Amino acid sequence: MIMKKNISEIIYYLLIIFMSYVFANKALDISAFQMNIFKTGIFNEKNSNILAYVVLIVEFSSIILLLINKRLGLDFLLILLLAFTLYISILFYLGRYEVCGCGGILNGLSYKVHLLINILLIVLTFISKNLANYQKKI
């Protein structure tokens, strides 16, 4: 049981660090993030700019939620990661995915690598969530 708790906690903190890293990179170079959204051709410039700020607010909210309420934060993060994965998949299948625009070391990832990272994050979130729920049942 201690091992499951440790695994859950390690994953939980890694998710917080990852989301903070992605958020910080987007926030520090918001114009590049806005341009990446605009380059998809789905949104006009004004909507790309608005969407970039909405995404930042949602990502920041997920970090805060993770910090103040682990269970709710993991639920929210799982939904957020599923939504982002759906978004990049739609872009890919519409032929509009160029490269990842998340910033930092993630910037420029191909669709396949980005998809694999997202799937890994979804699985890790699910594992952390289930291990945390398992601990509460005992």
Protein backbone atom coordinates (compact mmCIF):
# COMPACT_ATOMS: atom_id res chain seq x y z
CA MET A 1 0.00 0.00 0.00
CA ILE A 2 2.86 2.39 0.77
CA MET A 3 4.30 1.66 -2.68
CA LYS A 4 0.99 2.54 -4.37
CA LYS A 5 0.78 5.77 -2.36
CA ASN A 6 4.33 6.70 -3.36
CA ILE A 7 3.68 5.95 -7.03
CA SER A 8 0.48 7.98 -6.94
CA GLU A 9 2.24 10.93 -5.29
CA ILE A 10 5.21 10.85 -7.68
CA ILE A 11 2.91 10.84 -10.71
CA TYR A 12 0.75 13.57 -9.16
CA TYR A 13 3.70 15.91 -8.61
CA LEU A 14 5.17 15.16 -12.04
CA LEU A 15 1.83 16.13 -13.60
CA ILE A 16 1.85 19.41 -11.68
CA ILE A 17 5.42 20.11 -12.80
CA PHE A 18 4.61 19.21 -16.42
CA MET A 19 1.48 21.39 -16.54
CA SER A 20 3.35 24.27 -14.88
CA TYR A 21 6.15 23.96 -17.43
CA VAL A 22 3.77 23.97 -20.40
CA PHE A 23 1.77 26.85 -18.94
CA ALA A 24 4.88 28.94 -18.26
CA ASN A 25 6.25 28.40 -21.76
CA LYS A 26 2.99 29.46 -23.39
CA ALA A 27 2.56 32.44 -21.05
CA LEU A 28 6.14 33.65 -21.54
CA ASP A 29 5.79 33.61 -25.32
CA ILE A 30 2.08 34.25 -25.76
CA SER A 31 2.53 35.74 -29.22
CA ALA A 32 4.11 32.51 -30.51
CA PHE A 33 1.30 30.50 -28.93
CA GLN A 34 -1.30 32.77 -30.53
CA MET A 35 0.46 32.40 -33.89
CA ASN A 36 0.46 28.60 -33.60
CA ILE A 37 -3.30 28.64 -33.05
CA PHE A 38 -3.78 31.07 -35.93
CA LYS A 39 -1.63 28.95 -38.30
CA THR A 40 -4.11 26.08 -38.03
CA GLY A 41 -6.41 28.12 -40.24
CA ILE A 42 -9.40 27.22 -38.09
CA PHE A 43 -9.49 30.48 -36.15
CA ASN A 44 -9.11 34.05 -37.35
CA GLU A 45 -6.50 36.26 -35.70
CA LYS A 46 -8.87 37.79 -33.14
CA ASN A 47 -10.27 34.42 -32.09
CA SER A 48 -6.77 32.90 -31.97
CA ASN A 49 -5.70 35.62 -29.58
CA ILE A 50 -8.76 35.12 -27.38
CA LEU A 51 -8.43 31.32 -27.46
CA ALA A 52 -4.78 31.52 -26.40
CA TYR A 53 -5.76 33.41 -23.24
CA VAL A 54 -8.66 31.04 -22.58
CA VAL A 55 -6.29 28.06 -22.83
CA LEU A 56 -3.86 29.75 -20.44
CA ILE A 57 -6.64 30.42 -17.94
CA VAL A 58 -7.85 26.82 -18.18
CA GLU A 59 -4.32 25.42 -17.80
CA PHE A 60 -3.59 27.70 -14.85
CA SER A 61 -6.90 26.69 -13.28
CA SER A 62 -5.96 23.03 -13.66
CA ILE A 63 -2.67 23.65 -11.83
CA ILE A 64 -4.41 25.51 -8.99
CA LEU A 65 -7.09 22.83 -8.78
CA LEU A 66 -4.44 20.11 -8.61
CA LEU A 67 -2.79 21.95 -5.75
CA ILE A 68 -5.91 22.57 -3.68
CA ASN A 69 -8.00 19.46 -4.41
CA LYS A 70 -6.11 16.44 -5.71
CA ARG A 71 -9.14 14.34 -6.71
CA LEU A 72 -10.97 17.16 -8.46
CA GLY A 73 -7.72 18.40 -10.00
CA LEU A 74 -6.93 14.98 -11.47
CA ASP A 75 -10.49 14.69 -12.82
CA PHE A 76 -10.20 18.12 -14.43
CA LEU A 77 -6.76 17.37 -15.81
CA LEU A 78 -7.98 14.11 -17.32
CA ILE A 79 -10.78 15.94 -19.14
CA LEU A 80 -8.37 18.66 -20.24
CA LEU A 81 -5.84 16.16 -21.62
CA LEU A 82 -8.59 14.27 -23.45
CA ALA A 83 -9.83 17.56 -24.95
CA PHE A 84 -6.31 18.57 -26.06
CA THR A 85 -5.76 15.12 -27.55
CA LEU A 86 -9.04 15.36 -29.45
CA TYR A 87 -8.07 18.84 -30.67
CA ILE A 88 -4.68 17.80 -32.05
CA SER A 89 -6.24 14.70 -33.60
CA ILE A 90 -8.89 16.78 -35.36
CA LEU A 91 -6.15 19.11 -36.61
CA PHE A 92 -4.16 16.13 -37.87
CA TYR A 93 -7.07 14.53 -39.69
CA LEU A 94 -8.03 17.87 -41.25
CA GLY A 95 -4.45 18.20 -42.47
CA ARG A 96 -3.90 21.31 -40.33
CA TYR A 97 -1.48 19.95 -37.72
CA GLU A 98 2.01 21.26 -38.41
CA VAL A 99 3.98 20.91 -35.18
CA CYS A 100 3.30 21.11 -31.46
CA GLY A 101 3.03 24.68 -30.22
CA CYS A 102 3.16 23.92 -26.49
CA GLY A 103 6.50 25.67 -26.10
CA GLY A 104 9.81 24.74 -24.56
CA ILE A 105 11.23 21.33 -25.34
CA LEU A 106 7.81 20.22 -26.63
CA ASN A 107 7.71 22.85 -29.35
CA GLY A 108 7.94 21.36 -32.82
CA LEU A 109 6.88 17.82 -31.95
CA SER A 110 5.33 15.77 -34.74
CA TYR A 111 1.74 14.63 -34.37
CA LYS A 112 2.75 11.05 -33.53
CA VAL A 113 5.12 12.10 -30.75
CA HIS A 114 2.64 14.66 -29.42
CA LEU A 115 -0.11 12.04 -29.44
CA LEU A 116 2.10 9.53 -27.61
CA ILE A 117 2.99 12.12 -24.95
CA ASN A 118 -0.68 12.99 -24.50
CA ILE A 119 -1.65 9.32 -24.20
CA LEU A 120 1.12 8.81 -21.65
CA LEU A 121 -0.11 11.81 -19.64
CA ILE A 122 -3.69 10.51 -19.79
CA VAL A 123 -2.58 7.07 -18.58
CA LEU A 124 -0.45 8.58 -15.80
CA THR A 125 -3.33 10.81 -14.69
CA PHE A 126 -5.67 7.82 -14.67
CA ILE A 127 -3.15 5.75 -12.67
CA SER A 128 -2.60 8.51 -10.11
CA LYS A 129 -6.35 9.04 -9.81
CA ASN A 130 -7.09 5.34 -9.34
CA LEU A 131 -4.25 4.77 -6.88
CA ALA A 132 -5.43 7.76 -4.86
CA ASN A 133 -9.00 6.38 -4.90
CA TYR A 134 -7.70 2.92 -3.91
CA GLN A 135 -5.94 4.38 -0.88
CA LYS A 136 -9.13 6.07 0.32
CA LYS A 137 -11.09 2.80 0.13
CA ILE A 138 -8.67 1.02 2.48
